[in-house]
Protein backbone atom coordinates (compact mmCIF):
# COMPACT_ATOMS: atom_id res chain seq x y z
CA GLN A 1 -13.04 -18.27 -24.42
CA VAL A 2 -12.28 -18.35 -20.63
CA GLN A 3 -13.81 -15.41 -19.33
CA PRO A 4 -14.01 -15.14 -14.99
CA VAL A 5 -17.14 -14.70 -13.36
CA GLU A 6 -16.85 -12.79 -10.52
CA SER A 7 -19.96 -13.18 -7.61
CA GLY A 8 -19.73 -11.81 -4.08
CA GLY A 9 -19.74 -8.13 -3.89
CA GLY A 10 -21.55 -5.14 -1.86
CA LEU A 11 -22.07 -2.72 0.17
CA VAL A 12 -20.57 -2.84 3.63
CA GLN A 13 -19.47 -0.15 6.69
CA ALA A 14 -15.74 0.03 7.07
CA GLY A 15 -14.08 -2.56 9.63
CA GLY A 16 -16.80 -4.93 7.53
CA SER A 17 -15.75 -8.04 5.75
CA LEU A 18 -16.88 -9.39 2.69
CA ARG A 19 -15.93 -12.73 0.77
CA LEU A 20 -15.25 -12.99 -3.02
CA SER A 21 -15.42 -15.56 -5.23
CA CYS A 22 -14.31 -16.16 -8.95
CA ALA A 23 -15.39 -19.44 -11.22
CA ALA A 24 -12.95 -19.49 -14.15
CA SER A 25 -12.94 -22.65 -16.36
CA GLY A 26 -10.48 -24.21 -18.22
CA SER A 27 -8.58 -27.03 -18.10
CA ILE A 28 -5.43 -24.97 -17.71
CA PHE A 29 -6.55 -23.98 -14.40
CA SER A 30 -4.68 -25.45 -11.73
CA ILE A 31 -1.79 -24.20 -13.60
CA ASN A 32 -2.14 -20.78 -13.69
CA ALA A 33 -1.68 -18.15 -11.26
CA MET A 34 -4.54 -16.34 -10.48
CA GLY A 35 -4.99 -12.69 -8.84
CA TRP A 36 -7.69 -10.46 -7.82
CA TYR A 37 -7.47 -6.75 -9.27
CA ARG A 38 -9.53 -3.73 -8.32
CA GLN A 39 -9.84 -0.12 -10.20
CA ALA A 40 -11.45 2.54 -8.40
CA PRO A 41 -13.07 5.26 -10.02
CA GLY A 42 -10.75 6.94 -12.11
CA LYS A 43 -7.39 5.13 -11.07
CA GLN A 44 -5.85 2.05 -12.90
CA ARG A 45 -6.66 -0.96 -12.38
CA GLU A 46 -4.25 -2.89 -9.93
CA LEU A 47 -3.87 -6.15 -8.62
CA VAL A 48 -4.33 -6.98 -4.70
CA ALA A 49 -3.57 -10.34 -4.16
CA SER A 50 -2.27 -13.29 -6.18
CA ILE A 51 -1.61 -17.41 -5.65
CA THR A 52 0.44 -19.44 -7.85
CA SER A 53 -0.50 -22.91 -8.50
CA GLY A 54 1.50 -24.32 -6.03
CA GLY A 55 -0.31 -21.80 -3.28
CA THR A 56 2.40 -19.14 -2.51
CA THR A 57 0.76 -16.11 -1.68
CA ASN A 58 1.36 -12.11 -2.28
CA TYR A 59 -0.14 -8.95 -1.33
CA ALA A 60 0.08 -5.13 -2.29
CA ASP A 61 1.08 -3.02 0.77
CA SER A 62 -2.47 -1.69 0.95
CA VAL A 63 -4.22 -4.79 1.69
CA LYS A 64 -1.81 -7.23 3.49
CA GLY A 65 -2.53 -8.46 6.54
CA ARG A 66 -6.34 -7.53 6.23
CA PHE A 67 -7.15 -9.93 3.12
CA THR A 68 -6.50 -13.29 2.16
CA ILE A 69 -6.86 -15.24 -0.90
CA SER A 70 -6.94 -19.09 -1.86
CA ARG A 71 -8.15 -21.48 -4.54
CA ASP A 72 -10.01 -24.41 -5.19
CA ASN A 73 -8.49 -25.96 -7.93
CA ALA A 74 -11.19 -29.06 -8.21
CA LYS A 75 -13.88 -26.35 -8.53
CA LYS A 76 -11.52 -24.02 -10.59
CA MET A 77 -12.51 -21.26 -7.84
CA VAL A 78 -10.90 -18.58 -6.55
CA SER A 79 -11.38 -16.72 -3.60
CA LEU A 80 -11.20 -13.22 -1.66
CA GLN A 81 -11.55 -12.88 2.04
CA MET A 82 -11.79 -9.70 3.18
CA ASN A 83 -11.69 -8.14 6.73
CA SER A 84 -11.40 -4.75 8.04
CA LEU A 85 -12.47 -3.20 5.20
CA LYS A 86 -12.25 0.72 4.25
CA PRO A 87 -13.53 2.99 2.43
CA GLU A 88 -9.91 2.79 -0.19
CA ASP A 89 -11.11 -0.76 -0.56
CA THR A 90 -14.35 0.79 -2.21
CA ALA A 91 -13.65 -0.65 -6.34
CA VAL A 92 -15.16 -2.53 -8.96
CA TYR A 93 -13.25 -6.41 -8.13
CA TYR A 94 -11.75 -8.72 -11.00
CA CYS A 95 -10.15 -11.87 -11.18
CA ASN A 96 -7.75 -13.05 -13.87
CA THR A 97 -4.11 -14.69 -14.00
CA ALA A 98 -1.79 -13.18 -12.47
CA SER A 99 2.43 -13.23 -12.98
CA PRO A 100 3.83 -15.40 -13.59
CA THR A 101 1.63 -16.48 -16.16
CA ARG A 102 1.89 -14.13 -18.70
CA TYR A 103 -1.27 -14.04 -20.78
CA ARG A 104 -4.65 -12.74 -19.31
CA LEU A 105 -8.37 -13.98 -20.04
CA THR A 106 -11.06 -11.73 -21.33
CA TRP A 107 -12.25 -9.68 -17.95
CA GLY A 108 -15.23 -10.19 -16.61
CA GLN A 109 -17.68 -8.00 -15.39
CA GLY A 110 -16.34 -7.50 -11.70
CA THR A 111 -18.36 -6.86 -8.58
CA GLN A 112 -18.49 -3.78 -6.80
CA VAL A 113 -17.17 -3.78 -3.81
CA THR A 114 -18.72 -0.44 -1.76
CA VAL A 115 -16.91 0.48 2.07
CA SER A 116 -19.28 3.34 3.48
CA SER A 117 -17.60 5.43 6.49
């Protein structure tokens, strides 16, 4: 079963930047909407950014203007450029399919992002 593999997390100071990458194999990758989710300790997992197969993007209000999602269908990869990071962005970040795609892949390990103040 396809399982995304996330990478690129780390420890960064507030105001800094990180770029996350996700490799998601599968012949149907190019037709799926993909998204980046995050889960902070004690909180529910939330969708922060998504991109359709056609390249339409959506962002949570909390990251709008700071995060940019992109995809490379040929490489079957999805990226998340995160700028102006804040301590409240600290979480484990995961990628997976997103609406309007209804099914979800098996969740990967995620990648930890820690933003210090």
